[in-house]
Amino acid sequence: MLSKLEIILPLVLVILITLPLIKAFLGKTSKKSAKVRLYTHISLFFALVLFVFIWQSSSLAVFAAEGDEAVVTGFAGSIAQGLGFIGAALTTGMSALGAGVAVAAAAPAAIGAFSENEKNFGKSLIFVALGEGVAIYGLLISILIINKL
C-alpha cells in the first residue's frame, strides 16, 4: 500500500512543474517571458526525473548490502530474457518509426493525386495503408518474440 507521502509528493511536484506554463498557455506573456517559462519547465521536468530515479534506486533491494555481500531479491530472469525484451521493444519502435516515415512520404502524395483526379482515391489509399502495415508487422514480430520468452 502506498503511503501518504508517495501519493501527495508526486502530485505536488507535477503541479509545481506546470505552474510556469499557465500564463504562457493563456497568452498573457511576452515572447521572452514565455521562453524563460519554457526553459524553467524543461529544467524542472528533468530535475524531477532525476529526483525520482535517485529516490527509487535508493530503495531497491538490489542495492541493500548485508555485510560484504549484496542481497538480490525479487529479480528473476536471465540475460537472454532481458535481451529478448529489448529486441521486442526495438522491433516495435523501429517498425513504427519506419511506418511514420513511409506515411509521411505517401500521404501528401496521395492527397495531391486525389485533388487532381478523384478516381485516384483507392490507389492512393493503398500506398498509405502499406506504410501502416510495416508498423503492424513489427508489432506482430514483437508479440511472437515475447511469446517465446
N, C-alpha and C. Protein backbone atom coordinates (compact mmCIF):
# COMPACT_ATOMS: atom_id res chain seq x y z
N MET A 1 0.83 -1.18 0.00
CA MET A 1 0.00 0.00 0.00
C MET A 1 0.88 1.24 0.00
N LEU A 2 0.48 2.24 -0.72
CA LEU A 2 1.24 3.48 -0.81
C LEU A 2 1.01 4.34 0.42
N SER A 3 2.07 4.97 0.86
CA SER A 3 1.93 5.89 1.99
C SER A 3 1.41 7.23 1.47
N LYS A 4 1.03 8.10 2.40
CA LYS A 4 0.51 9.41 2.00
C LYS A 4 1.58 10.23 1.28
N LEU A 5 2.83 10.08 1.71
CA LEU A 5 3.92 10.81 1.08
C LEU A 5 4.09 10.38 -0.38
N GLU A 6 3.97 9.09 -0.65
CA GLU A 6 4.13 8.58 -2.00
C GLU A 6 2.98 8.99 -2.92
N ILE A 7 1.85 9.37 -2.36
CA ILE A 7 0.72 9.82 -3.16
C ILE A 7 0.76 11.34 -3.35
N ILE A 8 1.02 12.08 -2.29
CA ILE A 8 0.94 13.54 -2.34
C ILE A 8 2.17 14.15 -3.01
N LEU A 9 3.36 13.64 -2.74
CA LEU A 9 4.58 14.23 -3.28
C LEU A 9 4.60 14.29 -4.80
N PRO A 10 4.26 13.23 -5.52
CA PRO A 10 4.25 13.35 -6.99
C PRO A 10 3.23 14.36 -7.50
N LEU A 11 2.07 14.43 -6.84
CA LEU A 11 1.06 15.41 -7.25
C LEU A 11 1.56 16.84 -7.07
N VAL A 12 2.20 17.10 -5.95
CA VAL A 12 2.75 18.43 -5.69
C VAL A 12 3.84 18.77 -6.70
N LEU A 13 4.69 17.80 -7.02
CA LEU A 13 5.76 18.05 -7.97
C LEU A 13 5.22 18.31 -9.38
N VAL A 14 4.19 17.60 -9.79
CA VAL A 14 3.59 17.83 -11.10
C VAL A 14 2.95 19.22 -11.15
N ILE A 15 2.30 19.62 -10.09
CA ILE A 15 1.70 20.96 -10.04
C ILE A 15 2.78 22.03 -10.11
N LEU A 16 3.88 21.83 -9.38
CA LEU A 16 4.97 22.80 -9.42
C LEU A 16 5.61 22.89 -10.80
N ILE A 17 5.67 21.78 -11.51
CA ILE A 17 6.25 21.80 -12.85
C ILE A 17 5.33 22.54 -13.83
N THR A 18 4.04 22.39 -13.70
CA THR A 18 3.12 23.01 -14.66
C THR A 18 2.85 24.48 -14.37
N LEU A 19 3.16 24.96 -13.20
CA LEU A 19 2.89 26.37 -12.87
C LEU A 19 3.56 27.37 -13.80
N PRO A 20 4.83 27.19 -14.19
CA PRO A 20 5.43 28.20 -15.07
C PRO A 20 4.75 28.34 -16.43
N LEU A 21 4.02 27.35 -16.87
CA LEU A 21 3.44 27.39 -18.21
C LEU A 21 2.00 27.90 -18.25
N ILE A 22 1.38 28.14 -17.11
CA ILE A 22 -0.03 28.53 -17.11
C ILE A 22 -0.21 29.86 -17.83
N LYS A 23 0.60 30.88 -17.51
CA LYS A 23 0.46 32.18 -18.17
C LYS A 23 0.82 32.09 -19.65
N ALA A 24 1.77 31.22 -19.99
CA ALA A 24 2.14 31.07 -21.40
C ALA A 24 1.00 30.47 -22.20
N PHE A 25 0.28 29.51 -21.64
CA PHE A 25 -0.84 28.91 -22.34
C PHE A 25 -2.02 29.88 -22.45
N LEU A 26 -2.17 30.74 -21.49
CA LEU A 26 -3.25 31.72 -21.53
C LEU A 26 -2.92 32.89 -22.45
N GLY A 27 -1.69 33.01 -22.90
CA GLY A 27 -1.30 34.07 -23.81
C GLY A 27 -1.06 35.40 -23.13
N LYS A 28 -0.76 35.39 -21.85
CA LYS A 28 -0.58 36.63 -21.10
C LYS A 28 0.89 36.96 -20.87
N THR A 29 1.78 36.40 -21.69
CA THR A 29 3.21 36.66 -21.52
C THR A 29 3.81 37.15 -22.82
N SER A 30 4.95 37.80 -22.69
CA SER A 30 5.70 38.21 -23.87
C SER A 30 6.49 37.02 -24.40
N LYS A 31 7.11 37.22 -25.55
CA LYS A 31 7.89 36.13 -26.15
C LYS A 31 9.07 35.75 -25.27
N LYS A 32 9.75 36.74 -24.72
CA LYS A 32 10.91 36.47 -23.87
C LYS A 32 10.49 35.78 -22.58
N SER A 33 9.41 36.25 -21.99
CA SER A 33 8.92 35.64 -20.75
C SER A 33 8.46 34.20 -20.99
N ALA A 34 7.84 33.96 -22.15
CA ALA A 34 7.40 32.60 -22.47
C ALA A 34 8.59 31.68 -22.64
N LYS A 35 9.68 32.18 -23.23
CA LYS A 35 10.89 31.38 -23.37
C LYS A 35 11.46 31.01 -22.02
N VAL A 36 11.52 31.99 -21.12
CA VAL A 36 12.04 31.73 -19.77
C VAL A 36 11.17 30.70 -19.06
N ARG A 37 9.87 30.83 -19.20
CA ARG A 37 8.95 29.88 -18.57
C ARG A 37 9.13 28.48 -19.15
N LEU A 38 9.33 28.40 -20.46
CA LEU A 38 9.53 27.10 -21.09
C LEU A 38 10.83 26.46 -20.62
N TYR A 39 11.91 27.23 -20.55
CA TYR A 39 13.17 26.69 -20.05
C TYR A 39 13.06 26.26 -18.59
N THR A 40 12.32 27.02 -17.80
CA THR A 40 12.08 26.64 -16.41
C THR A 40 11.32 25.32 -16.34
N HIS A 41 10.32 25.20 -17.19
CA HIS A 41 9.52 23.97 -17.22
C HIS A 41 10.38 22.77 -17.59
N ILE A 42 11.20 22.90 -18.60
CA ILE A 42 12.05 21.79 -19.05
C ILE A 42 13.06 21.42 -17.96
N SER A 43 13.68 22.41 -17.35
CA SER A 43 14.67 22.10 -16.30
C SER A 43 14.01 21.47 -15.08
N LEU A 44 12.83 21.93 -14.71
CA LEU A 44 12.12 21.31 -13.58
C LEU A 44 11.71 19.87 -13.91
N PHE A 45 11.34 19.63 -15.16
CA PHE A 45 10.97 18.27 -15.55
C PHE A 45 12.15 17.31 -15.39
N PHE A 46 13.31 17.71 -15.92
CA PHE A 46 14.47 16.82 -15.82
C PHE A 46 14.97 16.70 -14.38
N ALA A 47 14.82 17.75 -13.59
CA ALA A 47 15.18 17.64 -12.18
C ALA A 47 14.26 16.65 -11.47
N LEU A 48 12.97 16.68 -11.82
CA LEU A 48 12.02 15.73 -11.23
C LEU A 48 12.35 14.29 -11.64
N VAL A 49 12.69 14.09 -12.90
CA VAL A 49 13.05 12.75 -13.36
C VAL A 49 14.28 12.25 -12.61
N LEU A 50 15.28 13.10 -12.44
CA LEU A 50 16.49 12.72 -11.71
C LEU A 50 16.17 12.42 -10.25
N PHE A 51 15.32 13.25 -9.64
CA PHE A 51 14.93 13.03 -8.24
C PHE A 51 14.22 11.70 -8.07
N VAL A 52 13.28 11.40 -8.95
CA VAL A 52 12.53 10.14 -8.84
C VAL A 52 13.46 8.96 -9.08
N PHE A 53 14.38 9.07 -10.03
CA PHE A 53 15.33 8.00 -10.29
C PHE A 53 16.20 7.72 -9.07
N ILE A 54 16.71 8.77 -8.45
CA ILE A 54 17.55 8.58 -7.26
C ILE A 54 16.73 8.04 -6.09
N TRP A 55 15.51 8.55 -5.93
CA TRP A 55 14.66 8.11 -4.82
C TRP A 55 14.30 6.63 -4.97
N GLN A 56 13.96 6.21 -6.17
CA GLN A 56 13.58 4.82 -6.38
C GLN A 56 14.78 3.89 -6.32
N SER A 57 15.92 4.32 -6.84
CA SER A 57 17.08 3.42 -6.84
C SER A 57 17.66 3.26 -5.44
N SER A 58 17.45 4.22 -4.56
CA SER A 58 17.97 4.08 -3.20
C SER A 58 17.14 3.10 -2.38
N SER A 59 15.91 2.85 -2.80
CA SER A 59 15.06 1.94 -2.03
C SER A 59 15.00 0.54 -2.62
N LEU A 60 15.76 0.27 -3.68
CA LEU A 60 15.74 -1.06 -4.28
C LEU A 60 16.50 -2.06 -3.41
N ALA A 61 16.01 -3.28 -3.39
CA ALA A 61 16.65 -4.32 -2.59
C ALA A 61 17.97 -4.76 -3.21
N VAL A 62 18.19 -4.47 -4.47
CA VAL A 62 19.42 -4.87 -5.13
C VAL A 62 20.61 -4.13 -4.53
N PHE A 63 20.40 -2.88 -4.10
CA PHE A 63 21.48 -2.07 -3.56
C PHE A 63 21.67 -2.25 -2.06
N ALA A 64 20.79 -2.99 -1.42
CA ALA A 64 20.93 -3.22 0.01
C ALA A 64 22.06 -4.21 0.24
N ALA A 65 22.89 -3.93 1.21
CA ALA A 65 24.04 -4.80 1.46
C ALA A 65 23.92 -5.43 2.84
N GLU A 66 24.27 -6.69 2.90
CA GLU A 66 24.30 -7.43 4.16
C GLU A 66 25.74 -7.85 4.37
N GLY A 67 26.44 -7.13 5.17
CA GLY A 67 27.86 -7.41 5.33
C GLY A 67 28.60 -7.01 4.07
N ASP A 68 29.34 -7.95 3.49
CA ASP A 68 30.10 -7.66 2.27
C ASP A 68 29.34 -8.08 1.02
N GLU A 69 28.28 -8.89 1.16
CA GLU A 69 27.56 -9.40 0.00
C GLU A 69 26.30 -8.60 -0.24
N ALA A 70 26.00 -8.37 -1.49
CA ALA A 70 24.77 -7.66 -1.85
C ALA A 70 23.62 -8.65 -1.89
N VAL A 71 22.47 -8.25 -1.42
CA VAL A 71 21.29 -9.09 -1.39
C VAL A 71 20.48 -8.80 -2.65
N VAL A 72 20.25 -9.81 -3.44
CA VAL A 72 19.46 -9.65 -4.64
C VAL A 72 18.17 -10.43 -4.44
N THR A 73 17.06 -9.69 -4.35
CA THR A 73 15.77 -10.34 -4.16
C THR A 73 14.78 -9.76 -5.15
N GLY A 74 13.81 -10.53 -5.52
CA GLY A 74 12.73 -10.06 -6.36
C GLY A 74 13.10 -9.92 -7.83
N PHE A 75 14.23 -10.47 -8.23
CA PHE A 75 14.64 -10.38 -9.63
C PHE A 75 14.77 -11.79 -10.18
N ALA A 76 13.98 -12.08 -11.19
CA ALA A 76 14.04 -13.40 -11.82
C ALA A 76 14.17 -13.20 -13.32
N GLY A 77 15.03 -13.95 -13.93
CA GLY A 77 15.21 -13.85 -15.37
C GLY A 77 16.68 -13.97 -15.71
N SER A 78 16.93 -14.10 -16.98
CA SER A 78 18.30 -14.26 -17.44
C SER A 78 18.65 -13.12 -18.37
N ILE A 79 19.90 -13.08 -18.77
CA ILE A 79 20.34 -12.06 -19.71
C ILE A 79 19.66 -12.28 -21.06
N ALA A 80 19.48 -13.52 -21.44
CA ALA A 80 18.81 -13.81 -22.72
C ALA A 80 17.37 -13.31 -22.71
N GLN A 81 16.71 -13.46 -21.58
CA GLN A 81 15.33 -12.98 -21.49
C GLN A 81 15.29 -11.45 -21.58
N GLY A 82 16.21 -10.81 -20.92
CA GLY A 82 16.27 -9.35 -20.99
C GLY A 82 16.58 -8.86 -22.39
N LEU A 83 17.52 -9.53 -23.08
CA LEU A 83 17.82 -9.16 -24.45
C LEU A 83 16.63 -9.43 -25.37
N GLY A 84 15.85 -10.45 -25.06
CA GLY A 84 14.64 -10.72 -25.84
C GLY A 84 13.63 -9.59 -25.71
N PHE A 85 13.46 -9.07 -24.49
CA PHE A 85 12.55 -7.95 -24.29
C PHE A 85 13.06 -6.69 -24.99
N ILE A 86 14.37 -6.48 -24.95
CA ILE A 86 14.94 -5.33 -25.66
C ILE A 86 14.74 -5.49 -27.16
N GLY A 87 14.92 -6.70 -27.67
CA GLY A 87 14.69 -6.96 -29.09
C GLY A 87 13.25 -6.72 -29.49
N ALA A 88 12.31 -7.13 -28.64
CA ALA A 88 10.89 -6.90 -28.94
C ALA A 88 10.58 -5.41 -28.93
N ALA A 89 11.15 -4.69 -27.99
CA ALA A 89 10.91 -3.24 -27.93
C ALA A 89 11.50 -2.54 -29.14
N LEU A 90 12.71 -2.95 -29.53
CA LEU A 90 13.33 -2.34 -30.71
C LEU A 90 12.55 -2.66 -31.98
N THR A 91 12.03 -3.88 -32.06
CA THR A 91 11.23 -4.25 -33.23
C THR A 91 10.01 -3.37 -33.36
N THR A 92 9.31 -3.17 -32.27
CA THR A 92 8.12 -2.33 -32.31
C THR A 92 8.47 -0.88 -32.59
N GLY A 93 9.48 -0.37 -31.91
CA GLY A 93 9.84 1.03 -32.07
C GLY A 93 10.35 1.36 -33.45
N MET A 94 11.25 0.54 -33.96
CA MET A 94 11.82 0.83 -35.28
C MET A 94 10.80 0.64 -36.40
N SER A 95 9.91 -0.34 -36.26
CA SER A 95 8.89 -0.51 -37.29
C SER A 95 7.90 0.65 -37.27
N ALA A 96 7.58 1.15 -36.09
CA ALA A 96 6.69 2.32 -36.01
C ALA A 96 7.37 3.56 -36.59
N LEU A 97 8.67 3.69 -36.36
CA LEU A 97 9.41 4.81 -36.93
C LEU A 97 9.44 4.71 -38.46
N GLY A 98 9.68 3.52 -38.97
CA GLY A 98 9.67 3.32 -40.42
C GLY A 98 8.30 3.57 -41.02
N ALA A 99 7.25 3.15 -40.33
CA ALA A 99 5.90 3.41 -40.82
C ALA A 99 5.60 4.90 -40.83
N GLY A 100 6.09 5.60 -39.83
CA GLY A 100 5.89 7.05 -39.81
C GLY A 100 6.57 7.73 -40.98
N VAL A 101 7.78 7.30 -41.33
CA VAL A 101 8.49 7.86 -42.47
C VAL A 101 7.75 7.53 -43.76
N ALA A 102 7.27 6.30 -43.88
CA ALA A 102 6.55 5.90 -45.09
C ALA A 102 5.25 6.67 -45.27
N VAL A 103 4.51 6.84 -44.19
CA VAL A 103 3.24 7.57 -44.28
C VAL A 103 3.51 9.05 -44.52
N ALA A 104 4.58 9.58 -43.94
CA ALA A 104 4.91 10.98 -44.16
C ALA A 104 5.23 11.26 -45.62
N ALA A 105 5.75 10.27 -46.32
CA ALA A 105 6.04 10.45 -47.75
C ALA A 105 4.83 10.14 -48.61
N ALA A 106 4.04 9.14 -48.23
CA ALA A 106 2.94 8.68 -49.07
C ALA A 106 1.67 9.52 -48.93
N ALA A 107 1.38 9.99 -47.74
CA ALA A 107 0.12 10.70 -47.52
C ALA A 107 0.03 12.02 -48.31
N PRO A 108 1.06 12.87 -48.30
CA PRO A 108 0.93 14.10 -49.11
C PRO A 108 0.81 13.81 -50.61
N ALA A 109 1.52 12.77 -51.07
CA ALA A 109 1.40 12.40 -52.48
C ALA A 109 0.00 11.89 -52.79
N ALA A 110 -0.57 11.13 -51.86
CA ALA A 110 -1.93 10.62 -52.06
C ALA A 110 -2.94 11.76 -52.07
N ILE A 111 -2.76 12.73 -51.21
CA ILE A 111 -3.68 13.87 -51.19
C ILE A 111 -3.56 14.68 -52.48
N GLY A 112 -2.31 14.84 -52.96
CA GLY A 112 -2.12 15.55 -54.22
C GLY A 112 -2.74 14.82 -55.39
N ALA A 113 -2.59 13.50 -55.44
CA ALA A 113 -3.18 12.71 -56.53
C ALA A 113 -4.70 12.74 -56.47
N PHE A 114 -5.25 12.72 -55.27
CA PHE A 114 -6.70 12.76 -55.11
C PHE A 114 -7.26 14.12 -55.50
N SER A 115 -6.50 15.17 -55.20
CA SER A 115 -7.01 16.51 -55.54
C SER A 115 -6.99 16.75 -57.06
N GLU A 116 -6.09 16.07 -57.79
CA GLU A 116 -6.06 16.22 -59.24
C GLU A 116 -7.13 15.38 -59.92
N ASN A 117 -7.34 14.17 -59.42
CA ASN A 117 -8.32 13.27 -60.03
C ASN A 117 -8.96 12.44 -58.94
N GLU A 118 -10.27 12.52 -58.81
CA GLU A 118 -10.98 11.82 -57.73
C GLU A 118 -10.97 10.30 -57.91
N LYS A 119 -10.66 9.81 -59.09
CA LYS A 119 -10.61 8.36 -59.32
C LYS A 119 -9.36 7.72 -58.72
N ASN A 120 -8.41 8.53 -58.32
CA ASN A 120 -7.16 8.00 -57.76
C ASN A 120 -7.24 7.73 -56.26
N PHE A 121 -8.42 7.90 -55.66
CA PHE A 121 -8.53 7.75 -54.21
C PHE A 121 -8.18 6.34 -53.74
N GLY A 122 -8.71 5.33 -54.39
CA GLY A 122 -8.45 3.94 -53.97
C GLY A 122 -7.00 3.55 -54.14
N LYS A 123 -6.40 3.97 -55.24
CA LYS A 123 -4.99 3.65 -55.49
C LYS A 123 -4.08 4.34 -54.47
N SER A 124 -4.38 5.59 -54.19
CA SER A 124 -3.52 6.33 -53.26
C SER A 124 -3.70 5.85 -51.83
N LEU A 125 -4.88 5.41 -51.50
CA LEU A 125 -5.13 4.91 -50.14
C LEU A 125 -4.37 3.62 -49.88
N ILE A 126 -4.18 2.83 -50.91
CA ILE A 126 -3.43 1.57 -50.76
C ILE A 126 -2.00 1.85 -50.35
N PHE A 127 -1.37 2.86 -50.94
CA PHE A 127 0.02 3.17 -50.61
C PHE A 127 0.18 3.67 -49.18
N VAL A 128 -0.79 4.43 -48.71
CA VAL A 128 -0.75 4.89 -47.32
C VAL A 128 -0.94 3.71 -46.37
N ALA A 129 -1.85 2.80 -46.72
CA ALA A 129 -2.10 1.63 -45.87
C ALA A 129 -0.89 0.69 -45.86
N LEU A 130 -0.17 0.60 -46.95
CA LEU A 130 1.04 -0.24 -46.98
C LEU A 130 2.09 0.29 -46.02
N GLY A 131 2.19 1.59 -45.90
CA GLY A 131 3.12 2.17 -44.93
C GLY A 131 2.74 1.83 -43.51
N GLU A 132 1.47 1.85 -43.21
CA GLU A 132 0.99 1.50 -41.87
C GLU A 132 1.16 0.01 -41.59
N GLY A 133 1.15 -0.79 -42.63
CA GLY A 133 1.33 -2.24 -42.47
C GLY A 133 2.68 -2.59 -41.88
N VAL A 134 3.68 -1.76 -42.14
CA VAL A 134 5.01 -2.01 -41.59
C VAL A 134 4.96 -2.00 -40.06
N ALA A 135 4.24 -1.06 -39.49
CA ALA A 135 4.12 -0.99 -38.02
C ALA A 135 3.38 -2.21 -37.47
N ILE A 136 2.36 -2.64 -38.19
CA ILE A 136 1.60 -3.81 -37.73
C ILE A 136 2.46 -5.06 -37.79
N TYR A 137 3.28 -5.20 -38.83
CA TYR A 137 4.17 -6.36 -38.93
C TYR A 137 5.21 -6.33 -37.81
N GLY A 138 5.74 -5.17 -37.50
CA GLY A 138 6.70 -5.06 -36.40
C GLY A 138 6.08 -5.43 -35.07
N LEU A 139 4.84 -5.00 -34.85
CA LEU A 139 4.13 -5.35 -33.62
C LEU A 139 3.90 -6.86 -33.55
N LEU A 140 3.55 -7.45 -34.67
CA LEU A 140 3.33 -8.90 -34.71
C LEU A 140 4.62 -9.66 -34.39
N ILE A 141 5.73 -9.23 -34.95
CA ILE A 141 7.01 -9.88 -34.67
C ILE A 141 7.38 -9.73 -33.20
N SER A 142 7.16 -8.56 -32.61
CA SER A 142 7.49 -8.39 -31.21
C SER A 142 6.59 -9.24 -30.31
N ILE A 143 5.35 -9.43 -30.69
CA ILE A 143 4.47 -10.33 -29.91
C ILE A 143 4.99 -11.76 -30.00
N LEU A 144 5.44 -12.17 -31.18
CA LEU A 144 6.00 -13.51 -31.33
C LEU A 144 7.27 -13.67 -30.50
N ILE A 145 8.10 -12.64 -30.44
CA ILE A 145 9.32 -12.71 -29.63
C ILE A 145 8.96 -12.85 -28.16
N ILE A 146 8.01 -12.06 -27.68
CA ILE A 146 7.62 -12.12 -26.26
C ILE A 146 6.98 -13.46 -25.93
N ASN A 147 6.24 -14.05 -26.86
CA ASN A 147 5.64 -15.36 -26.61
C ASN A 147 6.71 -16.44 -26.45
N LYS A 148 7.84 -16.29 -27.10
CA LYS A 148 8.91 -17.27 -26.98
C LYS A 148 9.69 -17.14 -25.67
N LEU A 149 9.57 -15.98 -25.01
CA LEU A 149 10.29 -15.79 -23.75
C LEU A 149 9.50 -16.49 -22.69
